[in-house]
Every structure is written in structure tokens, then in C-alpha cells.
Amino acid sequence: MNYEDLISNMTPEIHQSLKRAIELGKWPTGQALSVEQRETCMRAVIAYDQKHLPEDQRTGYIDRTKKNGTQHGEDSLDADVLKIINTH
């Protein structure tokens, strides 16, 4: 079974378990996640989200809608101008 198959066959319960392990930094058994395990879990969670969840429910989603319903900027990847004012 390859990585894509694993993500396709991941259940919502496993997805939640991986998210929880990332949040707490440990497995349900109490054993700490290594850096590599945490990174692998994050990749799996993001891949699962991409495949199974609507955009606004995915890990890392940022709602760019203003209160009036319009979007902040036309292209979310465009750089915004930042002005730094020195008060000294």
C-alpha cells in the first residue's frame, strides 16, 4: 500500500487521533512524538484534509472575508504593502 492509499483509507477517527497527537505532542499511550513522527503526522493530516474536507474546514485555513463580505485583496498570494512608522 502506498502513501496515497493510506490517506484514502484513513478514517475520520484516525485523522482526529493524529491531530490530537500533534496538539499534545504525544501518542494516546503517553509516549512522546519524535520530531519526525510529528512532521509525518502533520503531512498526513494536511493530505487527508485536502482530500476529504471543504477548504474552510482544513488545517491552516485562514478566513480572508471582511465583515462586509468582500475578500481581503484579489489574490491571496499577492503581497500587501506594509508601512512602518517610526515614532522616535
Protein backbone atom coordinates (compact mmCIF):
# COMPACT_ATOMS: atom_id res chain seq x y z
CA MET A 1 0.00 0.00 0.00
CA ASN A 2 1.40 3.41 -0.92
CA TYR A 3 1.02 6.79 0.81
CA GLU A 4 -1.98 7.86 -1.31
CA ASP A 5 -3.77 4.63 -0.47
CA LEU A 6 -3.12 5.17 3.24
CA ILE A 7 -4.57 8.69 3.08
CA SER A 8 -7.58 7.48 1.06
CA ASN A 9 -8.27 4.74 3.59
CA MET A 10 -7.73 6.87 6.69
CA THR A 11 -10.86 7.03 8.84
CA PRO A 12 -12.12 10.24 10.48
CA GLU A 13 -11.24 8.67 13.85
CA ILE A 14 -7.62 8.11 12.84
CA HIS A 15 -7.49 11.65 11.44
CA GLN A 16 -8.70 13.05 14.77
CA SER A 17 -6.28 10.86 16.68
CA LEU A 18 -3.34 12.16 14.61
CA LYS A 19 -4.47 15.76 15.11
CA ARG A 20 -4.71 15.18 18.85
CA ALA A 21 -1.25 13.60 18.95
CA ILE A 22 0.17 16.65 17.15
CA GLU A 23 -1.59 19.03 19.56
CA LEU A 24 -0.39 17.21 22.69
CA GLY A 25 2.99 16.10 21.35
CA LYS A 26 2.36 12.52 22.43
CA TRP A 27 0.55 9.37 21.39
CA PRO A 28 -2.59 8.20 23.25
CA THR A 29 -0.28 5.82 25.18
CA GLY A 30 1.58 8.82 26.58
CA GLN A 31 4.77 8.21 24.58
CA ALA A 32 6.21 11.45 23.17
CA LEU A 33 6.21 12.02 19.41
CA SER A 34 9.61 12.42 17.83
CA VAL A 35 10.21 15.37 15.51
CA GLU A 36 9.98 13.02 12.54
CA GLN A 37 6.72 11.48 13.79
CA ARG A 38 5.18 14.90 14.33
CA GLU A 39 6.14 16.01 10.80
CA THR A 40 4.78 12.78 9.30
CA CYS A 41 1.52 13.16 11.22
CA MET A 42 1.18 16.78 10.06
CA ARG A 43 1.70 15.77 6.44
CA ALA A 44 -0.92 13.02 6.76
CA VAL A 45 -3.45 15.35 8.42
CA ILE A 46 -2.96 18.02 5.74
CA ALA A 47 -3.23 15.43 2.94
CA TYR A 48 -6.41 13.98 4.49
CA ASP A 49 -7.90 17.46 4.88
CA GLN A 50 -7.11 18.29 1.25
CA LYS A 51 -8.80 15.11 0.03
CA HIS A 52 -11.81 14.90 2.34
CA LEU A 53 -12.71 18.31 3.79
CA PRO A 54 -14.08 21.55 2.34
CA GLU A 55 -11.50 24.35 2.19
CA ASP A 56 -12.88 26.25 5.20
CA GLN A 57 -12.52 23.17 7.45
CA ARG A 58 -8.92 22.30 6.54
CA THR A 59 -5.96 22.61 8.86
CA GLY A 60 -4.36 26.03 8.44
CA TYR A 61 -7.36 27.65 6.74
CA ILE A 62 -7.47 31.42 7.12
CA ASP A 63 -10.79 33.17 6.51
CA ARG A 64 -9.95 36.26 4.48
CA THR A 65 -13.53 37.54 4.35
CA LYS A 66 -14.12 41.05 5.66
CA LYS A 67 -17.17 41.85 7.80
CA ASN A 68 -18.91 43.31 4.73
CA GLY A 69 -18.49 40.01 2.85
CA THR A 70 -15.71 41.07 0.48
CA GLN A 71 -12.31 39.42 0.33
CA HIS A 72 -9.05 40.94 1.56
CA GLY A 73 -7.28 41.53 -1.74
CA GLU A 74 -8.00 39.95 -5.09
CA ASP A 75 -5.23 37.37 -4.88
CA SER A 76 -4.45 35.84 -1.51
CA LEU A 77 -0.84 35.30 -2.64
CA ASP A 78 -0.28 38.96 -3.57
CA ALA A 79 1.97 40.82 -1.16
CA ASP A 80 0.33 43.57 0.88
CA VAL A 81 2.04 46.91 1.40
CA LEU A 82 3.24 47.31 4.94
CA LYS A 83 4.08 50.78 6.26
CA ILE A 84 6.34 51.03 9.29
CA ILE A 85 6.14 54.36 11.05
CA ASN A 86 8.99 55.23 13.37
CA THR A 87 7.68 57.38 16.22
CA HIS A 88 11.12 58.22 17.63
